[in-house]
PDB file of all heavy atoms in Angstrom:
ATOM      1  N   ALA A   1     218.505  61.115  91.474  1.00  0.00           N
ATOM      2  CA  ALA A   1     217.548  61.537  92.463  1.00  0.00           C
ATOM      3  C   ALA A   1     218.180  62.475  93.442  1.00  0.00           C
ATOM      4  O   ALA A   1     219.361  62.330  93.774  1.00  0.00           O
ATOM      5  CB  ALA A   1     216.982  60.353  93.175  1.00  0.00           C
ATOM      6  N   ARG A   2     217.411  63.459  93.905  1.00  0.00           N
ATOM      7  CA  ARG A   2     217.824  64.308  95.051  1.00  0.00           C
ATOM      8  C   ARG A   2     217.085  63.686  96.257  1.00  0.00           C
ATOM      9  O   ARG A   2     215.854  63.654  96.269  1.00  0.00           O
ATOM     10  CB  ARG A   2     217.479  65.728  94.855  1.00  0.00           C
ATOM     11  CG  ARG A   2     218.312  66.442  93.796  1.00  0.00           C
ATOM     12  CD  ARG A   2     218.110  67.931  93.829  1.00  0.00           C
ATOM     13  NE  ARG A   2     216.785  68.329  93.481  1.00  0.00           N
ATOM     14  CZ  ARG A   2     215.986  69.101  94.199  1.00  0.00           C
ATOM     15  NH1 ARG A   2     216.336  69.450  95.424  1.00  0.00           N
ATOM     16  NH2 ARG A   2     214.798  69.421  93.757  1.00  0.00           N
ATOM     17  N   MET A   3     217.849  63.227  97.250  1.00  0.00           N
ATOM     18  CA  MET A   3     217.247  62.515  98.362  1.00  0.00           C
ATOM     19  C   MET A   3     217.187  63.359  99.621  1.00  0.00           C
ATOM     20  O   MET A   3     218.093  64.102 100.003  1.00  0.00           O
ATOM     21  CB  MET A   3     218.075  61.287  98.668  1.00  0.00           C
ATOM     22  CG  MET A   3     217.898  60.175  97.633  1.00  0.00           C
ATOM     23  SD  MET A   3     218.830  58.682  98.014  1.00  0.00           S
ATOM     24  CE  MET A   3     220.380  58.961  97.169  1.00  0.00           C
ATOM     25  N   ARG A   4     215.999  63.304 100.274  1.00  0.00           N
ATOM     26  CA  ARG A   4     215.723  63.945 101.549  1.00  0.00           C
ATOM     27  C   ARG A   4     215.699  62.815 102.538  1.00  0.00           C
ATOM     28  O   ARG A   4     214.761  62.071 102.669  1.00  0.00           O
ATOM     29  CB  ARG A   4     214.431  64.722 101.513  1.00  0.00           C
ATOM     30  CG  ARG A   4     214.162  65.519 102.760  1.00  0.00           C
ATOM     31  CD  ARG A   4     213.127  66.593 102.451  1.00  0.00           C
ATOM     32  NE  ARG A   4     211.987  66.060 101.765  1.00  0.00           N
ATOM     33  CZ  ARG A   4     211.213  66.814 100.943  1.00  0.00           C
ATOM     34  NH1 ARG A   4     211.492  68.073 100.719  1.00  0.00           N
ATOM     35  NH2 ARG A   4     210.174  66.243 100.312  1.00  0.00           N
ATOM     36  N   LEU A   5     216.788  62.688 103.366  1.00  0.00           N
ATOM     37  CA  LEU A   5     216.901  61.581 104.260  1.00  0.00           C
ATOM     38  C   LEU A   5     216.096  61.867 105.547  1.00  0.00           C
ATOM     39  O   LEU A   5     216.328  62.902 106.194  1.00  0.00           O
ATOM     40  CB  LEU A   5     218.380  61.325 104.635  1.00  0.00           C
ATOM     41  CG  LEU A   5     219.278  60.965 103.441  1.00  0.00           C
ATOM     42  CD1 LEU A   5     220.704  60.724 103.880  1.00  0.00           C
ATOM     43  CD2 LEU A   5     218.732  59.751 102.691  1.00  0.00           C
ATOM     44  N   LEU A   6     215.198  60.949 105.888  1.00  0.00           N
ATOM     45  CA  LEU A   6     214.281  61.117 107.038  1.00  0.00           C
ATOM     46  C   LEU A   6     214.323  59.938 107.972  1.00  0.00           C
ATOM     47  O   LEU A   6     214.791  58.855 107.599  1.00  0.00           O
ATOM     48  CB  LEU A   6     212.854  61.341 106.497  1.00  0.00           C
ATOM     49  CG  LEU A   6     212.627  62.545 105.574  1.00  0.00           C
ATOM     50  CD1 LEU A   6     211.284  62.449 104.926  1.00  0.00           C
ATOM     51  CD2 LEU A   6     212.821  63.838 106.374  1.00  0.00           C
ATOM     52  N   PRO A   7     213.854  60.095 109.204  1.00  0.00           N
ATOM     53  CA  PRO A   7     213.876  58.978 110.120  1.00  0.00           C
ATOM     54  C   PRO A   7     212.770  57.907 109.767  1.00  0.00           C
ATOM     55  O   PRO A   7     211.904  58.196 108.896  1.00  0.00           O
ATOM     56  CB  PRO A   7     213.495  59.612 111.496  1.00  0.00           C
ATOM     57  CG  PRO A   7     212.843  60.893 111.173  1.00  0.00           C
ATOM     58  CD  PRO A   7     213.430  61.378 109.861  1.00  0.00           C
ATOM     59  N   LEU A   8     212.866  56.746 110.397  1.00  0.00           N
ATOM     60  CA  LEU A   8     211.873  55.702 110.141  1.00  0.00           C
ATOM     61  C   LEU A   8     210.534  56.210 110.619  1.00  0.00           C
ATOM     62  O   LEU A   8     210.360  56.806 111.693  1.00  0.00           O
ATOM     63  CB  LEU A   8     212.307  54.438 110.965  1.00  0.00           C
ATOM     64  CG  LEU A   8     211.482  53.171 110.725  1.00  0.00           C
ATOM     65  CD1 LEU A   8     211.741  52.623 109.389  1.00  0.00           C
ATOM     66  CD2 LEU A   8     211.812  52.159 111.802  1.00  0.00           C
ATOM     67  N   GLN A   9     209.517  55.940 109.760  1.00  0.00           N
ATOM     68  CA  GLN A   9     208.173  56.409 110.107  1.00  0.00           C
ATOM     69  C   GLN A   9     207.505  55.415 110.980  1.00  0.00           C
ATOM     70  O   GLN A   9     207.706  54.208 110.937  1.00  0.00           O
ATOM     71  CB  GLN A   9     207.338  56.577 108.814  1.00  0.00           C
ATOM     72  CG  GLN A   9     207.668  57.812 108.056  1.00  0.00           C
ATOM     73  CD  GLN A   9     206.453  58.203 107.180  1.00  0.00           C
ATOM     74  OE1 GLN A   9     205.841  57.370 106.519  1.00  0.00           O
ATOM     75  NE2 GLN A   9     206.083  59.444 107.226  1.00  0.00           N
ATOM     76  N   PRO A  10     206.521  55.917 111.835  1.00  0.00           N
ATOM     77  CA  PRO A  10     205.749  54.992 112.655  1.00  0.00           C
ATOM     78  C   PRO A  10     204.983  53.986 111.775  1.00  0.00           C
ATOM     79  O   PRO A  10     204.417  54.374 110.763  1.00  0.00           O
ATOM     80  CB  PRO A  10     204.777  55.935 113.355  1.00  0.00           C
ATOM     81  CG  PRO A  10     205.431  57.279 113.398  1.00  0.00           C
ATOM     82  CD  PRO A  10     206.279  57.327 112.133  1.00  0.00           C
ATOM     83  N   GLY A  11     204.990  52.735 112.224  1.00  0.00           N
ATOM     84  CA  GLY A  11     204.302  51.718 111.440  1.00  0.00           C
ATOM     85  C   GLY A  11     205.235  50.948 110.397  1.00  0.00           C
ATOM     86  O   GLY A  11     204.816  49.904 109.938  1.00  0.00           O
ATOM     87  N   ASP A  12     206.375  51.588 110.104  1.00  0.00           N
ATOM     88  CA  ASP A  12     207.342  50.943 109.152  1.00  0.00           C
ATOM     89  C   ASP A  12     208.231  50.009 109.871  1.00  0.00           C
ATOM     90  O   ASP A  12     208.473  50.110 111.100  1.00  0.00           O
ATOM     91  CB  ASP A  12     208.143  51.991 108.407  1.00  0.00           C
ATOM     92  CG  ASP A  12     207.494  52.506 107.162  1.00  0.00           C
ATOM     93  OD1 ASP A  12     206.440  51.925 106.795  1.00  0.00           O
ATOM     94  OD2 ASP A  12     208.000  53.406 106.536  1.00  0.00           O
ATOM     95  N   VAL A  13     208.843  49.095 109.098  1.00  0.00           N
ATOM     96  CA  VAL A  13     209.909  48.161 109.689  1.00  0.00           C
ATOM     97  C   VAL A  13     211.116  48.346 108.761  1.00  0.00           C
ATOM     98  O   VAL A  13     211.038  48.650 107.600  1.00  0.00           O
ATOM     99  CB  VAL A  13     209.436  46.691 109.667  1.00  0.00           C
ATOM    100  CG1 VAL A  13     208.252  46.585 110.617  1.00  0.00           C
ATOM    101  CG2 VAL A  13     209.074  46.221 108.288  1.00  0.00           C
ATOM    102  N   PRO A  14     212.304  48.153 109.329  1.00  0.00           N
ATOM    103  CA  PRO A  14     213.533  48.376 108.518  1.00  0.00           C
ATOM    104  C   PRO A  14     213.770  47.374 107.416  1.00  0.00           C
ATOM    105  O   PRO A  14     214.377  47.700 106.393  1.00  0.00           O
ATOM    106  CB  PRO A  14     214.673  48.207 109.577  1.00  0.00           C
ATOM    107  CG  PRO A  14     213.995  48.392 110.921  1.00  0.00           C
ATOM    108  CD  PRO A  14     212.604  47.865 110.756  1.00  0.00           C
ATOM    109  N   ALA A  15     213.307  46.096 107.587  1.00  0.00           N
ATOM    110  CA  ALA A  15     213.645  45.102 106.561  1.00  0.00           C
ATOM    111  C   ALA A  15     212.527  44.010 106.454  1.00  0.00           C
ATOM    112  O   ALA A  15     211.904  43.725 107.457  1.00  0.00           O
ATOM    113  CB  ALA A  15     214.970  44.405 106.947  1.00  0.00           C
ATOM    114  N   THR A  16     212.352  43.563 105.238  1.00  0.00           N
ATOM    115  CA  THR A  16     211.524  42.442 105.025  1.00  0.00           C
ATOM    116  C   THR A  16     212.131  41.392 104.146  1.00  0.00           C
ATOM    117  O   THR A  16     212.955  41.769 103.213  1.00  0.00           O
ATOM    118  CB  THR A  16     210.134  42.814 104.377  1.00  0.00           C
ATOM    119  OG1 THR A  16     210.340  43.317 103.104  1.00  0.00           O
ATOM    120  CG2 THR A  16     209.369  43.822 105.232  1.00  0.00           C
ATOM    121  N   CYS A  17     211.868  40.158 104.311  1.00  0.00           N
ATOM    122  CA  CYS A  17     212.402  39.061 103.428  1.00  0.00           C
ATOM    123  C   CYS A  17     211.512  37.842 103.609  1.00  0.00           C
ATOM    124  O   CYS A  17     211.211  37.445 104.723  1.00  0.00           O
ATOM    125  CB  CYS A  17     213.853  38.709 103.890  1.00  0.00           C
ATOM    126  SG  CYS A  17     214.542  37.337 102.901  1.00  0.00           S
ATOM    127  N   ALA A  18     211.028  37.326 102.455  1.00  0.00           N
ATOM    128  CA  ALA A  18     210.051  36.236 102.502  1.00  0.00           C
ATOM    129  C   ALA A  18     210.727  34.880 102.349  1.00  0.00           C
ATOM    130  O   ALA A  18     211.541  34.588 101.470  1.00  0.00           O
ATOM    131  CB  ALA A  18     209.056  36.399 101.360  1.00  0.00           C
ATOM    132  N   ASP A  19     210.354  33.938 103.262  1.00  0.00           N
ATOM    133  CA  ASP A  19     210.653  32.566 103.137  1.00  0.00           C
ATOM    134  C   ASP A  19     209.542  31.974 102.269  1.00  0.00           C
ATOM    135  O   ASP A  19     208.361  31.962 102.718  1.00  0.00           O
ATOM    136  CB  ASP A  19     210.725  31.873 104.501  1.00  0.00           C
ATOM    137  CG  ASP A  19     211.036  30.383 104.405  1.00  0.00           C
ATOM    138  OD1 ASP A  19     210.746  29.742 103.356  1.00  0.00           O
ATOM    139  OD2 ASP A  19     211.473  29.808 105.359  1.00  0.00           O
ATOM    140  N   VAL A  20     209.833  31.517 101.056  1.00  0.00           N
ATOM    141  CA  VAL A  20     208.772  31.028 100.164  1.00  0.00           C
ATOM    142  C   VAL A  20     208.889  29.539  99.949  1.00  0.00           C
ATOM    143  O   VAL A  20     208.332  29.011  98.974  1.00  0.00           O
ATOM    144  CB  VAL A  20     208.799  31.763  98.815  1.00  0.00           C
ATOM    145  CG1 VAL A  20     208.432  33.225  99.013  1.00  0.00           C
ATOM    146  CG2 VAL A  20     210.145  31.618  98.129  1.00  0.00           C
ATOM    147  N   GLU A  21     209.486  28.811 100.824  1.00  0.00           N
ATOM    148  CA  GLU A  21     209.669  27.334 100.634  1.00  0.00           C
ATOM    149  C   GLU A  21     208.315  26.652 100.628  1.00  0.00           C
ATOM    150  O   GLU A  21     208.122  25.674  99.813  1.00  0.00           O
ATOM    151  CB  GLU A  21     210.571  26.756 101.769  1.00  0.00           C
ATOM    152  CG  GLU A  21     212.012  27.117 101.603  1.00  0.00           C
ATOM    153  CD  GLU A  21     212.903  26.431 102.659  1.00  0.00           C
ATOM    154  OE1 GLU A  21     212.396  25.634 103.361  1.00  0.00           O
ATOM    155  OE2 GLU A  21     214.094  26.713 102.668  1.00  0.00           O
ATOM    156  N   ASP A  22     207.377  27.046 101.441  1.00  0.00           N
ATOM    157  CA  ASP A  22     206.083  26.411 101.467  1.00  0.00           C
ATOM    158  C   ASP A  22     205.333  26.618 100.184  1.00  0.00           C
ATOM    159  O   ASP A  22     204.697  25.678  99.578  1.00  0.00           O
ATOM    160  CB  ASP A  22     205.237  26.897 102.616  1.00  0.00           C
ATOM    161  CG  ASP A  22     205.669  26.335 103.967  1.00  0.00           C
ATOM    162  OD1 ASP A  22     206.873  26.365 104.247  1.00  0.00           O
ATOM    163  OD2 ASP A  22     204.796  25.888 104.711  1.00  0.00           O
ATOM    164  N   LEU A  23     205.424  27.803  99.591  1.00  0.00           N
ATOM    165  CA  LEU A  23     204.741  28.109  98.336  1.00  0.00           C
ATOM    166  C   LEU A  23     205.373  27.267  97.265  1.00  0.00           C
ATOM    167  O   LEU A  23     204.657  26.652  96.433  1.00  0.00           O
ATOM    168  CB  LEU A  23     204.901  29.624  98.020  1.00  0.00           C
ATOM    169  CG  LEU A  23     204.338  30.046  96.677  1.00  0.00           C
ATOM    170  CD1 LEU A  23     202.805  30.078  96.696  1.00  0.00           C
ATOM    171  CD2 LEU A  23     204.879  31.448  96.266  1.00  0.00           C
ATOM    172  N   ALA A  24     206.681  27.226  97.179  1.00  0.00           N
ATOM    173  CA  ALA A  24     207.362  26.418  96.141  1.00  0.00           C
ATOM    174  C   ALA A  24     207.011  24.918  96.230  1.00  0.00           C
ATOM    175  O   ALA A  24     206.791  24.296  95.206  1.00  0.00           O
ATOM    176  CB  ALA A  24     208.876  26.653  96.225  1.00  0.00           C
ATOM    177  N   ALA A  25     206.925  24.456  97.507  1.00  0.00           N
ATOM    178  CA  ALA A  25     206.620  23.051  97.637  1.00  0.00           C
ATOM    179  C   ALA A  25     205.194  22.746  97.212  1.00  0.00           C
ATOM    180  O   ALA A  25     204.861  21.724  96.691  1.00  0.00           O
ATOM    181  CB  ALA A  25     206.848  22.643  99.080  1.00  0.00           C
ATOM    182  N   ALA A  26     204.258  23.662  97.522  1.00  0.00           N
ATOM    183  CA  ALA A  26     202.846  23.461  97.243  1.00  0.00           C
ATOM    184  C   ALA A  26     202.490  23.591  95.760  1.00  0.00           C
ATOM    185  O   ALA A  26     201.679  22.793  95.243  1.00  0.00           O
ATOM    186  CB  ALA A  26     202.031  24.385  98.103  1.00  0.00           C
ATOM    187  N   VAL A  27     203.051  24.627  95.096  1.00  0.00           N
ATOM    188  CA  VAL A  27     202.536  24.907  93.758  1.00  0.00           C
ATOM    189  C   VAL A  27     203.688  24.929  92.710  1.00  0.00           C
ATOM    190  O   VAL A  27     203.459  25.246  91.538  1.00  0.00           O
ATOM    191  CB  VAL A  27     201.788  26.281  93.657  1.00  0.00           C
ATOM    192  CG1 VAL A  27     200.560  26.197  94.610  1.00  0.00           C
ATOM    193  CG2 VAL A  27     202.681  27.450  94.018  1.00  0.00           C
ATOM    194  N   GLY A  28     204.901  24.639  93.106  1.00  0.00           N
ATOM    195  CA  GLY A  28     206.039  24.584  92.213  1.00  0.00           C
ATOM    196  C   GLY A  28     206.472  25.889  91.593  1.00  0.00           C
ATOM    197  O   GLY A  28     206.867  25.985  90.455  1.00  0.00           O
ATOM    198  N   PHE A  29     206.328  26.966  92.414  1.00  0.00           N
ATOM    199  CA  PHE A  29     206.669  28.275  91.911  1.00  0.00           C
ATOM    200  C   PHE A  29     207.150  29.192  92.990  1.00  0.00           C
ATOM    201  O   PHE A  29     206.657  29.145  94.099  1.00  0.00           O
ATOM    202  CB  PHE A  29     205.428  28.923  91.215  1.00  0.00           C
ATOM    203  CG  PHE A  29     205.615  30.427  90.838  1.00  0.00           C
ATOM    204  CD1 PHE A  29     206.367  30.729  89.661  1.00  0.00           C
ATOM    205  CD2 PHE A  29     205.130  31.417  91.622  1.00  0.00           C
ATOM    206  CE1 PHE A  29     206.559  32.052  89.349  1.00  0.00           C
ATOM    207  CE2 PHE A  29     205.353  32.730  91.312  1.00  0.00           C
ATOM    208  CZ  PHE A  29     206.076  33.088  90.174  1.00  0.00           C
ATOM    209  N   SER A  30     208.181  30.012  92.689  1.00  0.00           N
ATOM    210  CA  SER A  30     208.563  31.072  93.564  1.00  0.00           C
ATOM    211  C   SER A  30     208.977  32.301  92.702  1.00  0.00           C
ATOM    212  O   SER A  30     209.577  32.098  91.672  1.00  0.00           O
ATOM    213  CB  SER A  30     209.689  30.673  94.527  1.00  0.00           C
ATOM    214  OG  SER A  30     210.779  30.254  93.794  1.00  0.00           O
ATOM    215  N   PRO A  31     208.623  33.484  93.149  1.00  0.00           N
ATOM    216  CA  PRO A  31     208.979  34.723  92.355  1.00  0.00           C
ATOM    217  C   PRO A  31     210.486  34.831  92.091  1.00  0.00           C
ATOM    218  O   PRO A  31     211.287  34.436  92.966  1.00  0.00           O
ATOM    219  CB  PRO A  31     208.491  35.854  93.250  1.00  0.00           C
ATOM    220  CG  PRO A  31     207.428  35.221  94.086  1.00  0.00           C
ATOM    221  CD  PRO A  31     207.875  33.824  94.360  1.00  0.00           C
TER     222      PRO A  31
END
């Protein structure tokens, strides 16, 4: 890839990470 590095866009966040313990406990599954 040829990358064009740009600043963070309005509305975006730098990082996401899901705590899925409740899902796993309720239905026995996590991605």
